[in-house]
N, C-alpha and C. Protein backbone atom coordinates (compact mmCIF):
# COMPACT_ATOMS: atom_id res chain seq x y z
N MET A 1 43.71 103.58 10.18
CA MET A 1 44.15 102.52 9.54
C MET A 1 45.20 102.13 9.00
N LYS A 2 45.47 103.19 8.31
CA LYS A 2 47.06 103.80 7.50
C LYS A 2 48.49 103.32 8.49
N GLN A 3 48.05 104.05 9.93
CA GLN A 3 49.06 104.37 11.04
C GLN A 3 49.21 102.54 11.71
N PHE A 4 48.16 101.74 11.83
CA PHE A 4 48.30 100.42 11.91
C PHE A 4 49.07 99.41 11.15
N ILE A 5 48.92 99.74 9.84
CA ILE A 5 49.07 98.84 8.41
C ILE A 5 51.08 99.18 9.03
N ILE A 6 51.33 100.40 8.72
CA ILE A 6 52.55 100.82 8.59
C ILE A 6 53.56 100.47 10.13
N LEU A 7 52.62 100.18 11.15
CA LEU A 7 52.99 99.80 12.64
C LEU A 7 53.60 97.85 12.62
N PHE A 8 52.39 97.50 11.61
CA PHE A 8 52.55 96.12 11.91
C PHE A 8 53.53 95.57 10.74
N LEU A 9 53.58 96.25 9.49
CA LEU A 9 54.66 96.20 8.62
C LEU A 9 56.17 96.31 9.49
N THR A 10 56.40 97.42 10.28
CA THR A 10 57.73 97.96 10.72
C THR A 10 58.05 96.35 12.01
N ALA A 11 56.80 95.64 12.53
CA ALA A 11 57.18 94.67 13.71
C ALA A 11 57.61 93.62 12.59
N VAL A 12 57.13 93.42 11.99
CA VAL A 12 57.57 92.61 11.20
C VAL A 12 58.65 92.35 10.80
N ILE A 13 59.22 93.62 9.72
CA ILE A 13 60.50 93.31 9.57
C ILE A 13 61.42 93.87 10.60
N PHE A 14 61.07 94.05 11.32
CA PHE A 14 61.97 94.35 12.94
C PHE A 14 62.07 92.45 13.43
N TYR A 15 61.46 91.68 13.38
CA TYR A 15 61.65 90.71 13.97
C TYR A 15 62.07 89.95 12.92
N SER A 16 61.79 89.91 11.61
CA SER A 16 62.41 88.99 10.77
C SER A 16 63.76 89.30 10.58
N CYS A 17 64.34 90.50 10.62
CA CYS A 17 65.71 90.84 10.48
C CYS A 17 66.50 90.51 12.18
N GLU A 18 65.56 90.12 12.77
CA GLU A 18 66.44 89.73 14.28
C GLU A 18 67.55 88.23 14.06
N LYS A 19 68.66 88.60 14.70
CA LYS A 19 69.76 87.97 14.16
C LYS A 19 69.77 86.62 14.82
N GLU A 20 69.92 85.05 14.87
CA GLU A 20 69.89 84.00 15.55
C GLU A 20 71.19 83.93 16.32
N GLU A 21 70.57 83.77 17.35
CA GLU A 21 71.40 82.90 18.54
C GLU A 21 72.77 81.98 17.92
N PRO A 22 73.81 82.27 18.18
CA PRO A 22 75.08 81.40 17.50
C PRO A 22 74.69 79.95 18.30
N LYS A 23 75.19 78.80 17.66
CA LYS A 23 74.85 77.59 18.30
C LYS A 23 76.18 77.76 19.24
N LYS A 24 75.70 76.55 20.06
CA LYS A 24 76.83 76.20 21.30
C LYS A 24 76.69 74.90 21.29
N ILE A 25 78.11 74.13 20.92
CA ILE A 25 78.01 72.94 21.20
C ILE A 25 78.12 72.42 22.87
N GLU A 26 77.23 71.31 23.01
CA GLU A 26 77.62 70.97 24.56
C GLU A 26 77.31 69.35 24.16
N THR A 27 78.30 69.00 25.60
CA THR A 27 78.31 67.67 25.86
C THR A 27 76.91 67.41 27.05
N PHE A 28 76.82 65.79 27.12
CA PHE A 28 75.87 65.52 28.23
C PHE A 28 76.00 64.03 28.22
N SER A 29 75.28 63.92 29.29
CA SER A 29 75.63 61.91 30.26
C SER A 29 76.88 61.69 29.75
N THR A 30 78.04 62.31 30.00
CA THR A 30 79.24 62.01 29.84
C THR A 30 79.37 60.79 31.16
N GLU A 31 80.00 59.70 30.88
CA GLU A 31 80.03 58.25 32.17
C GLU A 31 81.49 57.80 31.49
N ALA A 32 82.20 57.28 32.35
CA ALA A 32 83.08 56.12 32.09
C ALA A 32 83.11 55.40 33.13
N PHE A 33 83.69 53.99 32.96
CA PHE A 33 83.72 52.99 34.07
C PHE A 33 84.91 51.69 33.40
N ALA A 34 85.31 51.28 34.14
CA ALA A 34 86.77 50.03 33.88
C ALA A 34 85.96 48.88 34.27
N PHE A 35 86.26 47.83 33.79
CA PHE A 35 86.19 46.41 33.66
C PHE A 35 87.73 45.71 34.02
N ASP A 36 87.75 45.19 34.98
CA ASP A 36 88.80 44.09 35.42
C ASP A 36 89.26 43.06 34.40
N LEU A 37 90.16 43.03 33.85
CA LEU A 37 89.96 42.01 32.66
C LEU A 37 91.09 40.87 32.78
N GLY A 38 91.73 41.37 34.79
CA GLY A 38 92.70 40.29 34.83
C GLY A 38 94.15 40.56 35.13
N ASP A 39 94.52 40.66 34.26
CA ASP A 39 96.00 41.52 34.18
C ASP A 39 96.11 42.89 33.39
N SER A 40 94.74 43.50 33.34
CA SER A 40 94.52 44.63 32.40
C SER A 40 93.01 45.09 32.62
N TRP A 41 92.68 46.33 32.84
CA TRP A 41 91.84 46.97 32.81
C TRP A 41 90.92 47.85 31.21
N GLU A 42 89.69 47.06 30.67
CA GLU A 42 89.17 47.64 29.79
C GLU A 42 88.17 48.96 30.29
N VAL A 43 88.65 49.89 29.87
CA VAL A 43 88.02 51.49 30.01
C VAL A 43 86.35 51.68 28.69
N ASN A 44 85.64 52.02 29.10
CA ASN A 44 84.51 52.29 28.68
C ASN A 44 84.11 53.47 28.71
N ALA A 45 84.51 54.51 27.80
CA ALA A 45 83.77 55.92 28.14
C ALA A 45 82.75 56.51 26.94
N THR A 46 81.29 57.08 27.34
CA THR A 46 80.64 57.77 26.41
C THR A 46 80.44 59.22 26.67
N THR A 47 79.69 60.03 25.82
CA THR A 47 79.17 61.29 25.66
C THR A 47 78.05 61.37 24.88
N ARG A 48 77.36 62.53 25.17
CA ARG A 48 76.49 62.87 24.01
C ARG A 48 76.71 64.12 23.48
N VAL A 49 76.38 64.94 22.43
CA VAL A 49 76.97 65.92 21.81
C VAL A 49 75.43 66.54 21.46
N LYS A 50 75.13 68.09 21.88
CA LYS A 50 74.18 68.30 21.03
C LYS A 50 74.91 69.88 20.83
N GLY A 51 73.95 70.54 19.48
CA GLY A 51 74.34 71.97 19.06
C GLY A 51 75.13 72.21 18.81
N PHE A 52 75.20 70.70 17.92
CA PHE A 52 76.51 71.13 16.40
C PHE A 52 75.85 71.59 15.35
N SER A 53 76.60 72.25 14.42
CA SER A 53 76.11 72.66 13.22
C SER A 53 75.87 71.35 12.28
N GLN A 54 74.69 71.58 10.98
CA GLN A 54 74.36 71.13 10.47
C GLN A 54 74.45 71.15 9.34
N THR A 55 74.76 70.59 8.07
CA THR A 55 74.49 71.12 6.42
C THR A 55 73.20 69.95 5.87
N GLU A 56 72.65 70.46 5.08
CA GLU A 56 71.27 70.00 4.22
C GLU A 56 71.84 70.46 2.83
N ALA A 57 71.69 68.76 2.22
CA ALA A 57 71.75 68.85 0.90
C ALA A 57 71.26 67.31 0.09
N GLU A 58 69.91 67.64 -0.72
CA GLU A 58 69.69 66.46 -0.77
C GLU A 58 68.43 66.06 -0.05
N ASN A 59 67.99 66.55 1.11
CA ASN A 59 67.10 65.95 1.93
C ASN A 59 67.97 65.30 3.09
N ASN A 60 68.72 65.27 3.22
CA ASN A 60 69.65 64.58 4.01
C ASN A 60 71.10 65.74 4.81
N PHE A 61 70.72 65.26 6.28
CA PHE A 61 71.57 66.09 7.31
C PHE A 61 72.78 65.50 7.71
N SER A 62 73.85 66.22 7.62
CA SER A 62 75.36 65.97 7.96
C SER A 62 75.98 66.52 8.90
N ALA A 63 76.71 65.94 9.71
CA ALA A 63 77.73 67.07 11.00
C ALA A 63 78.57 65.97 11.06
N THR A 64 79.92 66.39 11.29
CA THR A 64 81.14 66.12 11.77
C THR A 64 81.74 66.71 12.93
N ILE A 65 82.03 65.96 13.97
CA ILE A 65 82.31 66.03 15.47
C ILE A 65 83.65 64.96 15.45
N ALA A 66 84.43 65.97 15.69
CA ALA A 66 86.15 65.45 16.04
C ALA A 66 86.28 65.66 17.52
N TYR A 67 87.07 64.60 17.84
CA TYR A 67 87.12 64.59 19.79
C TYR A 67 88.31 63.95 19.98
N ASP A 68 89.35 64.93 21.00
CA ASP A 68 90.08 63.59 21.65
C ASP A 68 90.18 63.39 22.90
N ILE A 69 90.88 62.59 23.33
CA ILE A 69 90.16 61.74 24.77
C ILE A 69 91.81 61.79 25.83
N ASP A 70 91.64 62.49 26.58
CA ASP A 70 92.31 62.74 28.01
C ASP A 70 92.44 61.51 29.01
N LEU A 71 93.92 61.51 29.36
CA LEU A 71 93.51 60.21 30.85
C LEU A 71 93.88 61.28 31.57
N VAL A 72 93.40 61.70 33.05
CA VAL A 72 93.89 62.21 33.92
C VAL A 72 94.17 60.84 34.93
N THR A 73 95.97 60.99 35.58
CA THR A 73 96.02 59.49 36.35
C THR A 73 95.71 60.06 38.04
N PRO A 74 95.89 59.40 38.66
CA PRO A 74 95.65 59.56 39.58
C PRO A 74 96.75 60.20 40.74
N ALA A 75 98.09 60.49 39.83
CA ALA A 75 98.92 61.15 40.62
C ALA A 75 98.93 62.48 39.64
N GLY A 76 98.30 62.79 39.11
CA GLY A 76 97.33 64.14 38.37
C GLY A 76 98.55 64.55 36.71
N ASP A 77 98.87 63.35 36.54
CA ASP A 77 99.68 63.72 35.19
C ASP A 77 98.71 63.35 34.10
N THR A 78 98.77 63.89 33.07
CA THR A 78 97.47 63.98 32.14
C THR A 78 98.16 63.33 30.39
N ILE A 79 97.50 62.38 30.44
CA ILE A 79 98.18 61.80 28.84
C ILE A 79 96.94 62.28 28.01
N LYS A 80 97.72 63.03 27.24
CA LYS A 80 96.72 64.38 26.28
C LYS A 80 96.36 63.22 24.76
N ALA A 81 95.63 63.47 24.14
CA ALA A 81 94.84 62.52 23.08
C ALA A 81 95.52 61.17 22.92
N LEU A 82 94.72 60.60 24.08
CA LEU A 82 95.06 59.34 24.15
C LEU A 82 94.28 58.48 22.98
N ILE A 83 93.53 58.64 22.78
CA ILE A 83 92.66 58.54 21.29
C ILE A 83 92.16 59.85 20.80
N SER A 84 91.76 59.55 19.15
CA SER A 84 91.27 60.89 18.37
C SER A 84 90.90 60.37 17.68
N LYS A 85 89.46 60.75 17.26
CA LYS A 85 88.37 60.07 16.51
C LYS A 85 87.38 61.34 15.99
N VAL A 86 87.07 61.12 14.82
CA VAL A 86 86.01 62.00 13.89
C VAL A 86 85.06 61.30 14.03
N GLU A 87 83.82 61.59 14.13
CA GLU A 87 82.45 61.33 13.96
C GLU A 87 81.56 61.65 12.60
N ASP A 88 81.50 60.77 11.70
CA ASP A 88 80.67 61.88 10.77
C ASP A 88 79.24 61.37 10.84
N LYS A 89 78.08 62.38 10.87
CA LYS A 89 77.01 61.69 10.89
C LYS A 89 76.07 62.26 9.79
N THR A 90 75.01 61.36 9.44
CA THR A 90 74.61 61.61 7.79
C THR A 90 73.07 60.97 8.24
N ASP A 91 71.84 62.13 8.39
CA ASP A 91 70.38 61.32 8.23
C ASP A 91 69.62 62.06 7.58
N ASN A 92 68.15 61.21 7.19
CA ASN A 92 67.75 62.23 6.36
C ASN A 92 66.38 62.88 7.37
N GLU A 93 66.60 63.26 8.66
CA GLU A 93 65.93 64.20 9.61
C GLU A 93 67.25 65.08 10.09
N ARG A 94 66.78 66.08 10.96
CA ARG A 94 67.83 66.96 11.62
C ARG A 94 67.86 66.03 12.75
N ILE A 95 69.21 65.88 12.87
CA ILE A 95 70.34 64.98 14.37
C ILE A 95 69.93 66.20 15.17
N ILE A 96 69.62 64.97 16.09
CA ILE A 96 69.41 66.03 17.74
C ILE A 96 70.70 66.11 18.37
N ASP A 97 71.28 64.81 17.93
CA ASP A 97 72.25 64.74 18.98
C ASP A 97 73.28 62.85 18.56
N ILE A 98 74.59 63.35 18.51
CA ILE A 98 75.34 62.60 18.39
C ILE A 98 76.08 61.49 19.55
N PRO A 99 75.61 60.31 19.78
CA PRO A 99 76.61 59.59 20.70
C PRO A 99 78.21 59.86 20.29
N LEU A 100 79.07 59.93 21.26
CA LEU A 100 80.73 59.22 21.08
C LEU A 100 80.80 58.30 21.93
N GLU A 101 82.31 57.34 21.62
CA GLU A 101 82.21 56.06 22.67
C GLU A 101 83.60 55.87 22.27
N VAL A 102 84.35 55.56 23.55
CA VAL A 102 85.70 55.08 23.53
C VAL A 102 85.83 53.99 24.30
N GLN A 103 86.83 53.27 23.67
CA GLN A 103 87.16 52.20 24.59
C GLN A 103 88.52 51.80 24.15
N PHE A 104 89.24 51.65 25.39
CA PHE A 104 90.57 51.05 25.39
C PHE A 104 91.12 50.60 26.82
N GLU A 105 92.36 49.99 26.05
CA GLU A 105 92.87 48.86 27.83
C GLU A 105 94.06 49.54 28.50
N LEU A 106 93.97 49.85 29.40
CA LEU A 106 95.14 49.91 30.61
C LEU A 106 95.88 48.76 31.32
N ASP A 107 97.10 48.59 30.96
CA ASP A 107 97.64 47.58 31.26
C ASP A 107 98.06 47.68 33.25
N SER A 108 98.76 46.44 33.01
CA SER A 108 99.16 46.36 34.77
C SER A 108 100.17 47.76 35.23
N THR A 109 100.93 48.15 34.35
CA THR A 109 101.83 49.27 34.65
C THR A 109 100.60 50.72 35.29
N TYR A 110 99.31 50.96 35.22
CA TYR A 110 98.73 51.68 35.37
C TYR A 110 98.45 51.52 37.09
N ALA A 111 98.81 52.36 37.77
CA ALA A 111 98.55 52.40 39.18
C ALA A 111 96.78 52.39 39.58
N ALA A 112 96.51 51.76 40.74
CA ALA A 112 95.31 51.82 41.39
C ALA A 112 95.19 53.11 41.63
N GLY A 113 93.65 53.47 41.73
CA GLY A 113 93.00 55.03 42.26
C GLY A 113 92.12 55.37 41.11
N GLU A 114 92.01 56.62 41.33
CA GLU A 114 90.71 57.12 40.53
C GLU A 114 91.04 57.84 39.12
N TYR A 115 91.06 57.73 37.87
CA TYR A 115 91.00 58.33 36.55
C TYR A 115 89.79 59.47 36.18
N THR A 116 90.36 60.32 35.41
CA THR A 116 89.29 61.13 34.87
C THR A 116 89.94 61.16 33.45
N ILE A 117 88.38 60.87 32.77
CA ILE A 117 88.79 61.01 31.14
C ILE A 117 87.93 62.16 30.85
N ILE A 118 89.00 63.34 29.86
CA ILE A 118 88.49 64.15 29.51
C ILE A 118 87.94 64.17 28.00
N PHE A 119 86.67 64.58 27.88
CA PHE A 119 86.27 64.61 26.15
C PHE A 119 86.75 65.60 25.87
N ASN A 120 87.69 66.21 24.87
CA ASN A 120 87.74 67.47 24.05
C ASN A 120 87.21 67.44 22.71
N VAL A 121 85.85 67.98 23.04
CA VAL A 121 84.75 67.87 21.58
C VAL A 121 84.95 69.29 20.22
N LYS A 122 85.19 68.94 19.28
CA LYS A 122 84.95 70.08 18.26
C LYS A 122 83.63 69.89 17.11
N ASP A 123 83.07 70.96 17.09
CA ASP A 123 82.29 70.83 15.74
C ASP A 123 82.98 71.45 15.00
N VAL A 124 83.68 70.58 13.83
CA VAL A 124 84.48 70.65 12.79
C VAL A 124 83.27 71.71 11.79
N LEU A 125 81.98 71.93 11.60
CA LEU A 125 82.12 73.34 10.93
C LEU A 125 81.66 74.57 11.52
N LEU A 126 81.81 74.74 13.01
CA LEU A 126 81.51 75.90 13.32
C LEU A 126 82.61 76.44 14.00
N GLY A 127 83.71 75.25 14.46
CA GLY A 127 84.80 75.78 14.85
C GLY A 127 84.86 75.55 16.59
N SER A 128 83.71 75.54 17.24
CA SER A 128 83.70 75.83 18.36
C SER A 128 84.06 74.07 18.88
N ASN A 129 83.89 74.53 20.42
CA ASN A 129 84.62 73.39 21.35
C ASN A 129 83.80 73.37 22.52
N THR A 130 83.73 72.45 23.24
CA THR A 130 83.56 71.71 24.55
C THR A 130 84.41 70.75 25.35
N ILE A 131 84.23 71.11 26.50
CA ILE A 131 84.92 69.76 27.42
C ILE A 131 84.06 69.30 28.37
N SER A 132 84.13 67.56 28.51
CA SER A 132 83.42 67.12 29.35
C SER A 132 84.31 66.23 30.02
N THR A 133 83.88 65.73 31.05
CA THR A 133 84.65 64.61 32.20
C THR A 133 83.86 63.46 32.56
N ALA A 134 84.46 62.80 33.13
CA ALA A 134 84.08 61.62 33.85
C ALA A 134 85.10 60.88 34.80
N SER A 135 84.82 60.49 35.94
CA SER A 135 86.06 60.05 36.54
C SER A 135 85.52 58.35 36.75
N PHE A 136 86.58 57.37 36.49
CA PHE A 136 85.99 56.11 37.02
C PHE A 136 87.25 55.69 38.15
N GLY A 137 87.64 54.32 38.46
CA GLY A 137 88.16 53.72 39.55
C GLY A 137 88.91 52.64 39.05
N ILE A 138 90.00 52.48 39.10
CA ILE A 138 90.77 50.86 39.27
C ILE A 138 91.48 50.51 40.47
N VAL A 139 90.96 49.25 41.13
CA VAL A 139 91.15 49.00 42.61
C VAL A 139 91.93 47.59 41.87
N ASN A 140 93.18 47.75 42.65
CA ASN A 140 94.28 46.34 42.46
C ASN A 140 93.80 45.37 43.68
N GLU A 141 93.58 44.49 43.48
CA GLU A 141 93.15 43.34 44.19
C GLU A 141 94.26 42.41 45.24
């Protein structure tokens, strides 16, 4: 019986000291689309983020996500940091995911073709990064 108790306590200590897997920020459900406004295009892009770190204080959870939007043109040129934002989220329950949304216009100087939006997302507390992409087309009639 004594050996069983020692074995049980050893197992409990071993499993309680096991390190947690580090959190890894992830994006999902990334979409982008453009609306024809006549002389320009309105671009809307969204993605959702999960796996970020959170702080808890006074029964409130908070997280901070920073992100930049890059735009890849049909010619293969990349416009870096077209949009830069920081999303601060606070809730009284643990935050499961955070939606990120951007909206901007492309004037008539932008050529017809396939464009790619790149979300460069950073968990401010952890310092970890992830990238997500979505494509959309512009058709000049």
